[in-house]
Amino acid sequence: MKKTKRIINGFVTAGWIALAATPAFAKGFSLKDAGISLWIFIGIGATIILLQLIPAAILFFSFIGTGSAMAFRRKKASEQEKEAVKEVGSALPNYAPIKVEK
């Protein structure tokens, strides 16, 4: 199956090459008359490609910022306060949860 598929693919490729090499098709592809439209097409294409760099840069630097913040983060003030409360005890006297009745 693979061998026949490969043979058919080879014949199709050879056929396209032979067809493209004929003088009728060879004369059809000419960029001589393209002129300014070719440069406009290239300019718009380059602009679109460069505009894709903006969201890519935003995603890249946000990923770097998030990763470095997680890796190099220090203890927050609230974490230090919780540790101090655990050592001393309750920060407020007579602190207890409130029961809410409906």
N, C-alpha and C. Protein backbone atom coordinates (compact mmCIF):
# COMPACT_ATOMS: atom_id res chain seq x y z
N MET A 1 0.82 -1.19 0.00
CA MET A 1 0.00 0.00 0.00
C MET A 1 0.87 1.26 0.00
N LYS A 2 1.86 1.28 0.90
CA LYS A 2 2.73 2.45 0.96
C LYS A 2 3.57 2.58 -0.32
N LYS A 3 3.98 1.43 -0.84
CA LYS A 3 4.82 1.45 -2.04
C LYS A 3 4.04 1.99 -3.23
N THR A 4 2.79 1.57 -3.40
CA THR A 4 1.99 2.08 -4.53
C THR A 4 1.68 3.56 -4.35
N LYS A 5 1.43 3.96 -3.10
CA LYS A 5 1.16 5.38 -2.84
C LYS A 5 2.40 6.23 -3.17
N ARG A 6 3.57 5.72 -2.82
CA ARG A 6 4.80 6.43 -3.10
C ARG A 6 5.05 6.52 -4.61
N ILE A 7 4.75 5.45 -5.34
CA ILE A 7 4.94 5.44 -6.80
C ILE A 7 3.98 6.43 -7.46
N ILE A 8 2.72 6.41 -7.02
CA ILE A 8 1.73 7.36 -7.58
C ILE A 8 2.13 8.80 -7.27
N ASN A 9 2.59 9.04 -6.06
CA ASN A 9 3.04 10.38 -5.68
C ASN A 9 4.22 10.82 -6.54
N GLY A 10 5.12 9.92 -6.84
CA GLY A 10 6.26 10.24 -7.70
C GLY A 10 5.84 10.59 -9.11
N PHE A 11 4.88 9.82 -9.67
CA PHE A 11 4.39 10.14 -11.01
C PHE A 11 3.65 11.48 -11.05
N VAL A 12 2.87 11.75 -10.04
CA VAL A 12 2.16 13.04 -9.98
C VAL A 12 3.15 14.19 -9.89
N THR A 13 4.17 14.05 -9.07
CA THR A 13 5.19 15.10 -8.93
C THR A 13 5.93 15.30 -10.25
N ALA A 14 6.30 14.22 -10.89
CA ALA A 14 6.99 14.32 -12.18
C ALA A 14 6.09 14.97 -13.22
N GLY A 15 4.81 14.64 -13.19
CA GLY A 15 3.86 15.26 -14.12
C GLY A 15 3.75 16.76 -13.92
N TRP A 16 3.67 17.19 -12.66
CA TRP A 16 3.59 18.64 -12.38
C TRP A 16 4.87 19.36 -12.82
N ILE A 17 6.02 18.72 -12.59
CA ILE A 17 7.28 19.34 -13.00
C ILE A 17 7.34 19.46 -14.52
N ALA A 18 6.93 18.41 -15.21
CA ALA A 18 6.93 18.45 -16.68
C ALA A 18 5.95 19.48 -17.20
N LEU A 19 4.80 19.59 -16.56
CA LEU A 19 3.79 20.56 -16.98
C LEU A 19 4.27 21.99 -16.74
N ALA A 20 4.93 22.21 -15.59
CA ALA A 20 5.41 23.56 -15.26
C ALA A 20 6.59 23.96 -16.14
N ALA A 21 7.31 22.99 -16.68
CA ALA A 21 8.48 23.30 -17.50
C ALA A 21 8.12 23.61 -18.95
N THR A 22 6.88 23.42 -19.33
CA THR A 22 6.48 23.71 -20.72
C THR A 22 6.52 25.21 -20.96
N PRO A 23 6.80 25.65 -22.16
CA PRO A 23 6.91 27.09 -22.43
C PRO A 23 5.62 27.87 -22.16
N ALA A 24 4.47 27.26 -22.34
CA ALA A 24 3.21 27.99 -22.11
C ALA A 24 3.07 28.38 -20.65
N PHE A 25 3.40 27.47 -19.75
CA PHE A 25 3.29 27.80 -18.33
C PHE A 25 4.47 28.63 -17.86
N ALA A 26 5.63 28.44 -18.45
CA ALA A 26 6.81 29.18 -18.03
C ALA A 26 6.65 30.67 -18.32
N LYS A 27 5.97 31.03 -19.39
CA LYS A 27 5.77 32.44 -19.71
C LYS A 27 4.67 33.06 -18.86
N GLY A 28 3.82 32.26 -18.25
CA GLY A 28 2.69 32.79 -17.49
C GLY A 28 3.09 33.41 -16.17
N PHE A 29 4.21 32.99 -15.60
CA PHE A 29 4.63 33.50 -14.30
C PHE A 29 5.72 34.53 -14.50
N SER A 30 5.34 35.79 -14.50
CA SER A 30 6.32 36.86 -14.66
C SER A 30 6.02 37.96 -13.66
N LEU A 31 7.04 38.42 -12.94
CA LEU A 31 6.87 39.50 -11.98
C LEU A 31 7.31 40.83 -12.57
N LYS A 32 7.55 40.85 -13.89
CA LYS A 32 8.02 42.07 -14.54
C LYS A 32 6.98 43.19 -14.46
N ASP A 33 5.70 42.84 -14.58
CA ASP A 33 4.65 43.84 -14.57
C ASP A 33 4.05 44.07 -13.19
N ALA A 34 4.57 43.42 -12.17
CA ALA A 34 3.98 43.55 -10.84
C ALA A 34 4.25 44.95 -10.28
N GLY A 35 5.48 45.40 -10.34
CA GLY A 35 5.85 46.76 -9.93
C GLY A 35 5.43 47.13 -8.52
N ILE A 36 4.66 48.24 -8.44
CA ILE A 36 4.30 48.82 -7.15
C ILE A 36 3.38 47.91 -6.36
N SER A 37 2.54 47.13 -7.03
CA SER A 37 1.62 46.26 -6.30
C SER A 37 2.38 45.18 -5.53
N LEU A 38 3.49 44.72 -6.07
CA LEU A 38 4.30 43.74 -5.36
C LEU A 38 4.88 44.34 -4.09
N TRP A 39 5.37 45.57 -4.17
CA TRP A 39 5.94 46.23 -2.99
C TRP A 39 4.86 46.52 -1.95
N ILE A 40 3.65 46.86 -2.39
CA ILE A 40 2.56 47.09 -1.44
C ILE A 40 2.21 45.77 -0.74
N PHE A 41 2.14 44.69 -1.50
CA PHE A 41 1.85 43.38 -0.93
C PHE A 41 2.91 42.98 0.09
N ILE A 42 4.18 43.19 -0.24
CA ILE A 42 5.26 42.85 0.69
C ILE A 42 5.20 43.73 1.93
N GLY A 43 4.92 45.02 1.75
CA GLY A 43 4.83 45.94 2.88
C GLY A 43 3.70 45.60 3.83
N ILE A 44 2.52 45.29 3.28
CA ILE A 44 1.39 44.92 4.13
C ILE A 44 1.68 43.60 4.84
N GLY A 45 2.27 42.65 4.15
CA GLY A 45 2.61 41.37 4.77
C GLY A 45 3.60 41.54 5.90
N ALA A 46 4.63 42.37 5.68
CA ALA A 46 5.62 42.60 6.74
C ALA A 46 4.99 43.30 7.93
N THR A 47 4.07 44.23 7.68
CA THR A 47 3.39 44.93 8.77
C THR A 47 2.56 43.96 9.60
N ILE A 48 1.85 43.07 8.93
CA ILE A 48 1.04 42.09 9.66
C ILE A 48 1.93 41.18 10.49
N ILE A 49 3.04 40.76 9.93
CA ILE A 49 3.96 39.89 10.68
C ILE A 49 4.51 40.63 11.90
N LEU A 50 4.89 41.90 11.72
CA LEU A 50 5.45 42.66 12.85
C LEU A 50 4.41 42.97 13.91
N LEU A 51 3.15 43.17 13.52
CA LEU A 51 2.10 43.43 14.50
C LEU A 51 1.84 42.22 15.39
N GLN A 52 2.16 41.05 14.93
CA GLN A 52 1.99 39.85 15.75
C GLN A 52 3.02 39.80 16.87
N LEU A 53 4.08 40.58 16.76
CA LEU A 53 5.09 40.58 17.81
C LEU A 53 4.61 41.27 19.08
N ILE A 54 3.63 42.18 18.97
CA ILE A 54 3.16 42.92 20.14
C ILE A 54 2.50 41.99 21.15
N PRO A 55 1.45 41.22 20.77
CA PRO A 55 0.88 40.32 21.78
C PRO A 55 1.85 39.21 22.19
N ALA A 56 2.73 38.81 21.29
CA ALA A 56 3.71 37.79 21.66
C ALA A 56 4.65 38.32 22.74
N ALA A 57 5.07 39.57 22.62
CA ALA A 57 5.94 40.18 23.63
C ALA A 57 5.21 40.34 24.95
N ILE A 58 3.94 40.74 24.90
CA ILE A 58 3.16 40.88 26.13
C ILE A 58 3.06 39.55 26.85
N LEU A 59 2.72 38.48 26.11
CA LEU A 59 2.63 37.17 26.73
C LEU A 59 3.97 36.69 27.27
N PHE A 60 5.03 36.93 26.51
CA PHE A 60 6.36 36.47 26.92
C PHE A 60 6.79 37.15 28.22
N PHE A 61 6.67 38.49 28.27
CA PHE A 61 7.14 39.19 29.46
C PHE A 61 6.23 38.98 30.66
N SER A 62 4.94 38.75 30.45
CA SER A 62 4.07 38.43 31.58
C SER A 62 4.43 37.04 32.12
N PHE A 63 4.78 36.11 31.23
CA PHE A 63 5.21 34.78 31.68
C PHE A 63 6.51 34.89 32.48
N ILE A 64 7.45 35.68 31.99
CA ILE A 64 8.73 35.85 32.70
C ILE A 64 8.49 36.53 34.05
N GLY A 65 7.63 37.55 34.07
CA GLY A 65 7.34 38.25 35.32
C GLY A 65 6.67 37.37 36.34
N THR A 66 5.71 36.57 35.90
CA THR A 66 5.00 35.68 36.82
C THR A 66 5.94 34.61 37.35
N GLY A 67 6.74 34.05 36.46
CA GLY A 67 7.67 33.01 36.90
C GLY A 67 8.71 33.52 37.87
N SER A 68 9.27 34.69 37.58
CA SER A 68 10.29 35.22 38.48
C SER A 68 9.67 35.68 39.80
N ALA A 69 8.43 36.19 39.77
CA ALA A 69 7.77 36.59 41.01
C ALA A 69 7.51 35.38 41.90
N MET A 70 7.14 34.27 41.29
CA MET A 70 6.90 33.06 42.09
C MET A 70 8.22 32.50 42.62
N ALA A 71 9.28 32.60 41.84
CA ALA A 71 10.56 32.02 42.24
C ALA A 71 11.26 32.85 43.31
N PHE A 72 11.17 34.17 43.20
CA PHE A 72 11.94 35.03 44.09
C PHE A 72 11.07 35.80 45.08
N ARG A 73 9.87 35.32 45.37
CA ARG A 73 8.97 36.07 46.23
C ARG A 73 9.42 35.96 47.68
N ARG A 74 9.25 37.06 48.40
CA ARG A 74 9.59 37.10 49.82
C ARG A 74 8.32 36.85 50.62
N LYS A 75 8.48 36.71 51.93
CA LYS A 75 7.31 36.54 52.77
C LYS A 75 6.52 37.84 52.81
N LYS A 76 5.22 37.71 52.68
CA LYS A 76 4.37 38.89 52.73
C LYS A 76 4.21 39.33 54.17
N ALA A 77 3.76 40.58 54.35
CA ALA A 77 3.56 41.11 55.69
C ALA A 77 2.48 40.31 56.42
N SER A 78 1.44 39.89 55.70
CA SER A 78 0.38 39.13 56.35
C SER A 78 0.89 37.78 56.85
N GLU A 79 1.79 37.15 56.11
CA GLU A 79 2.35 35.88 56.56
C GLU A 79 3.20 36.07 57.82
N GLN A 80 3.93 37.18 57.86
CA GLN A 80 4.74 37.46 59.05
C GLN A 80 3.85 37.76 60.24
N GLU A 81 2.72 38.47 60.02
CA GLU A 81 1.80 38.76 61.11
C GLU A 81 1.16 37.48 61.63
N LYS A 82 0.82 36.55 60.73
CA LYS A 82 0.22 35.28 61.15
C LYS A 82 1.20 34.50 62.02
N GLU A 83 2.46 34.51 61.64
CA GLU A 83 3.46 33.82 62.44
C GLU A 83 3.61 34.47 63.81
N ALA A 84 3.54 35.82 63.84
CA ALA A 84 3.66 36.52 65.12
C ALA A 84 2.45 36.22 66.00
N VAL A 85 1.26 36.14 65.42
CA VAL A 85 0.05 35.83 66.19
C VAL A 85 0.12 34.42 66.74
N LYS A 86 0.63 33.49 65.96
CA LYS A 86 0.76 32.11 66.43
C LYS A 86 1.71 32.03 67.63
N GLU A 87 2.76 32.83 67.59
CA GLU A 87 3.73 32.80 68.68
C GLU A 87 3.17 33.46 69.93
N VAL A 88 2.50 34.61 69.79
CA VAL A 88 2.01 35.37 70.94
C VAL A 88 0.67 34.84 71.41
N GLY A 89 -0.15 34.43 70.49
CA GLY A 89 -1.50 34.00 70.82
C GLY A 89 -2.46 34.85 70.00
N SER A 90 -3.66 35.04 70.49
CA SER A 90 -4.66 35.81 69.78
C SER A 90 -4.33 37.30 69.86
N ALA A 91 -4.53 37.99 68.78
CA ALA A 91 -4.25 39.43 68.75
C ALA A 91 -5.34 40.21 69.47
N LEU A 92 -6.56 39.71 69.48
CA LEU A 92 -7.68 40.39 70.14
C LEU A 92 -8.12 39.57 71.35
N PRO A 93 -8.43 40.25 72.44
CA PRO A 93 -8.92 39.49 73.60
C PRO A 93 -10.36 39.03 73.37
N ASN A 94 -10.69 37.89 73.91
CA ASN A 94 -12.02 37.30 73.79
C ASN A 94 -12.46 37.14 72.35
N TYR A 95 -11.56 36.74 71.49
CA TYR A 95 -11.86 36.57 70.08
C TYR A 95 -12.52 35.21 69.87
N ALA A 96 -13.71 35.23 69.22
CA ALA A 96 -14.42 33.98 68.95
C ALA A 96 -15.29 34.20 67.73
N PRO A 97 -15.64 33.12 67.00
CA PRO A 97 -16.52 33.31 65.88
C PRO A 97 -17.93 33.69 66.32
N ILE A 98 -18.62 34.45 65.49
CA ILE A 98 -19.96 34.92 65.80
C ILE A 98 -20.96 33.98 65.16
N LYS A 99 -21.99 33.59 65.93
CA LYS A 99 -23.05 32.75 65.39
C LYS A 99 -24.12 33.65 64.79
N VAL A 100 -24.55 33.30 63.59
CA VAL A 100 -25.58 34.08 62.93
C VAL A 100 -26.84 33.23 62.88
N GLU A 101 -27.95 33.78 63.39
CA GLU A 101 -29.22 33.07 63.39
C GLU A 101 -30.15 33.73 62.40
N LYS A 102 -30.92 32.90 61.70
CA LYS A 102 -31.88 33.45 60.73
C LYS A 102 -33.25 33.54 61.35
